[in-house]
Amino acid sequence: MKWYKIFTSLVNKLSNLTSLTTLKICSSLILLPNELSNLISLTT
């Protein structure tokens, strides 16, 4: 039972980590075109 609890907590932490990184990647993908257009408008 103790091992099961440790295992589930580990899985929960891993899933939290992956969801966080997925959120970061998605937000950066959404923000990237905006940043690019800002750069382009600055250079021209």
PDB file of N, CA and C in Angstrom:
ATOM      1  N   MET A   1       0.832  -1.204   0.000  1.00  0.00           N
ATOM      2  CA  MET A   1       0.000   0.000   0.000  1.00  0.00           C
ATOM      3  C   MET A   1       0.866   1.252   0.000  1.00  0.00           C
ATOM      4  N   LYS A   2       1.930   1.208   0.778  1.00  0.00           N
ATOM      5  CA  LYS A   2       2.812   2.368   0.826  1.00  0.00           C
ATOM      6  C   LYS A   2       3.448   2.633  -0.537  1.00  0.00           C
ATOM      7  N   TRP A   3       3.903   1.576  -1.174  1.00  0.00           N
ATOM      8  CA  TRP A   3       4.505   1.725  -2.505  1.00  0.00           C
ATOM      9  C   TRP A   3       3.506   2.280  -3.500  1.00  0.00           C
ATOM     10  N   TYR A   4       2.269   1.835  -3.364  1.00  0.00           N
ATOM     11  CA  TYR A   4       1.234   2.320  -4.267  1.00  0.00           C
ATOM     12  C   TYR A   4       1.033   3.824  -4.120  1.00  0.00           C
ATOM     13  N   LYS A   5       1.045   4.292  -2.883  1.00  0.00           N
ATOM     14  CA  LYS A   5       0.884   5.721  -2.648  1.00  0.00           C
ATOM     15  C   LYS A   5       2.060   6.500  -3.225  1.00  0.00           C
ATOM     16  N   ILE A   6       3.254   5.992  -3.032  1.00  0.00           N
ATOM     17  CA  ILE A   6       4.444   6.650  -3.578  1.00  0.00           C
ATOM     18  C   ILE A   6       4.363   6.691  -5.100  1.00  0.00           C
ATOM     19  N   PHE A   7       3.967   5.587  -5.674  1.00  0.00           N
ATOM     20  CA  PHE A   7       3.868   5.500  -7.125  1.00  0.00           C
ATOM     21  C   PHE A   7       2.835   6.483  -7.679  1.00  0.00           C
ATOM     22  N   THR A   8       1.680   6.552  -7.046  1.00  0.00           N
ATOM     23  CA  THR A   8       0.634   7.459  -7.525  1.00  0.00           C
ATOM     24  C   THR A   8       1.051   8.915  -7.372  1.00  0.00           C
ATOM     25  N   SER A   9       1.746   9.232  -6.300  1.00  0.00           N
ATOM     26  CA  SER A   9       2.203  10.611  -6.137  1.00  0.00           C
ATOM     27  C   SER A   9       3.239  10.963  -7.203  1.00  0.00           C
ATOM     28  N   LEU A  10       4.095   9.997  -7.524  1.00  0.00           N
ATOM     29  CA  LEU A  10       5.077  10.216  -8.584  1.00  0.00           C
ATOM     30  C   LEU A  10       4.387  10.441  -9.925  1.00  0.00           C
ATOM     31  N   VAL A  11       3.396   9.629 -10.211  1.00  0.00           N
ATOM     32  CA  VAL A  11       2.666   9.770 -11.467  1.00  0.00           C
ATOM     33  C   VAL A  11       1.953  11.116 -11.529  1.00  0.00           C
ATOM     34  N   ASN A  12       1.384  11.526 -10.412  1.00  0.00           N
ATOM     35  CA  ASN A  12       0.709  12.814 -10.360  1.00  0.00           C
ATOM     36  C   ASN A  12       1.684  13.952 -10.623  1.00  0.00           C
ATOM     37  N   LYS A  13       2.853  13.874 -10.011  1.00  0.00           N
ATOM     38  CA  LYS A  13       3.857  14.913 -10.223  1.00  0.00           C
ATOM     39  C   LYS A  13       4.311  14.948 -11.674  1.00  0.00           C
ATOM     40  N   LEU A  14       4.498  13.778 -12.251  1.00  0.00           N
ATOM     41  CA  LEU A  14       4.914  13.705 -13.649  1.00  0.00           C
ATOM     42  C   LEU A  14       3.855  14.288 -14.576  1.00  0.00           C
ATOM     43  N   SER A  15       2.613  13.947 -14.325  1.00  0.00           N
ATOM     44  CA  SER A  15       1.545  14.465 -15.179  1.00  0.00           C
ATOM     45  C   SER A  15       1.408  15.973 -15.020  1.00  0.00           C
ATOM     46  N   ASN A  16       1.608  16.468 -13.803  1.00  0.00           N
ATOM     47  CA  ASN A  16       1.582  17.914 -13.592  1.00  0.00           C
ATOM     48  C   ASN A  16       2.708  18.580 -14.371  1.00  0.00           C
ATOM     49  N   LEU A  17       3.878  17.971 -14.324  1.00  0.00           N
ATOM     50  CA  LEU A  17       5.019  18.522 -15.052  1.00  0.00           C
ATOM     51  C   LEU A  17       4.764  18.554 -16.554  1.00  0.00           C
ATOM     52  N   THR A  18       4.259  17.463 -17.088  1.00  0.00           N
ATOM     53  CA  THR A  18       4.032  17.406 -18.533  1.00  0.00           C
ATOM     54  C   THR A  18       2.948  18.393 -18.953  1.00  0.00           C
ATOM     55  N   SER A  19       1.912  18.526 -18.132  1.00  0.00           N
ATOM     56  CA  SER A  19       0.850  19.474 -18.485  1.00  0.00           C
ATOM     57  C   SER A  19       1.383  20.903 -18.425  1.00  0.00           C
ATOM     58  N   LEU A  20       2.279  21.155 -17.478  1.00  0.00           N
ATOM     59  CA  LEU A  20       2.877  22.483 -17.387  1.00  0.00           C
ATOM     60  C   LEU A  20       3.729  22.787 -18.610  1.00  0.00           C
ATOM     61  N   THR A  21       4.549  21.834 -18.996  1.00  0.00           N
ATOM     62  CA  THR A  21       5.408  22.063 -20.156  1.00  0.00           C
ATOM     63  C   THR A  21       4.572  22.186 -21.429  1.00  0.00           C
ATOM     64  N   THR A  22       3.490  21.423 -21.507  1.00  0.00           N
ATOM     65  CA  THR A  22       2.615  21.524 -22.664  1.00  0.00           C
ATOM     66  C   THR A  22       1.978  22.907 -22.726  1.00  0.00           C
ATOM     67  N   LEU A  23       1.576  23.407 -21.570  1.00  0.00           N
ATOM     68  CA  LEU A  23       1.009  24.750 -21.516  1.00  0.00           C
ATOM     69  C   LEU A  23       2.026  25.789 -21.954  1.00  0.00           C
ATOM     70  N   LYS A  24       3.255  25.631 -21.483  1.00  0.00           N
ATOM     71  CA  LYS A  24       4.309  26.575 -21.846  1.00  0.00           C
ATOM     72  C   LYS A  24       4.582  26.537 -23.341  1.00  0.00           C
ATOM     73  N   ILE A  25       4.644  25.340 -23.891  1.00  0.00           N
ATOM     74  CA  ILE A  25       4.903  25.200 -25.325  1.00  0.00           C
ATOM     75  C   ILE A  25       3.757  25.805 -26.130  1.00  0.00           C
ATOM     76  N   CYS A  26       2.540  25.542 -25.720  1.00  0.00           N
ATOM     77  CA  CYS A  26       1.387  26.086 -26.431  1.00  0.00           C
ATOM     78  C   CYS A  26       1.374  27.602 -26.352  1.00  0.00           C
ATOM     79  N   SER A  27       1.621  28.150 -25.194  1.00  0.00           N
ATOM     80  CA  SER A  27       1.607  29.600 -25.042  1.00  0.00           C
ATOM     81  C   SER A  27       2.732  30.242 -25.844  1.00  0.00           C
ATOM     82  N   SER A  28       3.893  29.608 -25.856  1.00  0.00           N
ATOM     83  CA  SER A  28       5.005  30.158 -26.633  1.00  0.00           C
ATOM     84  C   SER A  28       4.701  30.068 -28.125  1.00  0.00           C
ATOM     85  N   LEU A  29       4.023  29.002 -28.542  1.00  0.00           N
ATOM     86  CA  LEU A  29       3.637  28.871 -29.951  1.00  0.00           C
ATOM     87  C   LEU A  29       2.631  29.942 -30.332  1.00  0.00           C
ATOM     88  N   ILE A  30       1.751  30.256 -29.395  1.00  0.00           N
ATOM     89  CA  ILE A  30       0.756  31.297 -29.658  1.00  0.00           C
ATOM     90  C   ILE A  30       1.420  32.668 -29.686  1.00  0.00           C
ATOM     91  N   LEU A  31       2.398  32.858 -28.800  1.00  0.00           N
ATOM     92  CA  LEU A  31       3.047  34.159 -28.701  1.00  0.00           C
ATOM     93  C   LEU A  31       4.114  34.374 -29.759  1.00  0.00           C
ATOM     94  N   LEU A  32       4.604  33.312 -30.325  1.00  0.00           N
ATOM     95  CA  LEU A  32       5.707  33.431 -31.283  1.00  0.00           C
ATOM     96  C   LEU A  32       5.386  34.288 -32.509  1.00  0.00           C
ATOM     97  N   PRO A  33       4.271  34.090 -33.177  1.00  0.00           N
ATOM     98  CA  PRO A  33       3.971  34.949 -34.334  1.00  0.00           C
ATOM     99  C   PRO A  33       3.895  36.421 -33.949  1.00  0.00           C
ATOM    100  N   ASN A  34       3.360  36.690 -32.783  1.00  0.00           N
ATOM    101  CA  ASN A  34       3.278  38.062 -32.302  1.00  0.00           C
ATOM    102  C   ASN A  34       4.671  38.660 -32.149  1.00  0.00           C
ATOM    103  N   GLU A  35       5.552  37.906 -31.535  1.00  0.00           N
ATOM    104  CA  GLU A  35       6.931  38.370 -31.354  1.00  0.00           C
ATOM    105  C   GLU A  35       7.612  38.580 -32.703  1.00  0.00           C
ATOM    106  N   LEU A  36       7.374  37.666 -33.610  1.00  0.00           N
ATOM    107  CA  LEU A  36       7.979  37.770 -34.938  1.00  0.00           C
ATOM    108  C   LEU A  36       7.491  39.017 -35.663  1.00  0.00           C
ATOM    109  N   SER A  37       6.219  39.272 -35.600  1.00  0.00           N
ATOM    110  CA  SER A  37       5.680  40.449 -36.275  1.00  0.00           C
ATOM    111  C   SER A  37       6.204  41.729 -35.631  1.00  0.00           C
ATOM    112  N   ASN A  38       6.389  41.700 -34.318  1.00  0.00           N
ATOM    113  CA  ASN A  38       6.983  42.853 -33.636  1.00  0.00           C
ATOM    114  C   ASN A  38       8.408  43.079 -34.124  1.00  0.00           C
ATOM    115  N   LEU A  39       9.151  42.018 -34.255  1.00  0.00           N
ATOM    116  CA  LEU A  39      10.525  42.125 -34.744  1.00  0.00           C
ATOM    117  C   LEU A  39      10.556  42.668 -36.169  1.00  0.00           C
ATOM    118  N   ILE A  40       9.669  42.159 -36.985  1.00  0.00           N
ATOM    119  CA  ILE A  40       9.631  42.588 -38.387  1.00  0.00           C
ATOM    120  C   ILE A  40       9.267  44.072 -38.474  1.00  0.00           C
ATOM    121  N   SER A  41       8.313  44.481 -37.694  1.00  0.00           N
ATOM    122  CA  SER A  41       7.908  45.889 -37.729  1.00  0.00           C
ATOM    123  C   SER A  41       9.014  46.786 -37.189  1.00  0.00           C
ATOM    124  N   LEU A  42       9.825  46.257 -36.300  1.00  0.00           N
ATOM    125  CA  LEU A  42      10.950  47.038 -35.772  1.00  0.00           C
ATOM    126  C   LEU A  42      12.040  47.200 -36.818  1.00  0.00           C
ATOM    127  N   THR A  43      12.293  46.158 -37.574  1.00  0.00           N
ATOM    128  CA  THR A  43      13.410  46.207 -38.517  1.00  0.00           C
ATOM    129  C   THR A  43      13.056  46.991 -39.775  1.00  0.00           C
ATOM    130  N   THR A  44      11.776  47.050 -40.122  1.00  0.00           N
ATOM    131  CA  THR A  44      11.402  47.760 -41.346  1.00  0.00           C
ATOM    132  C   THR A  44      11.056  49.207 -41.081  1.00  0.00           C
TER     133      THR A  44
END
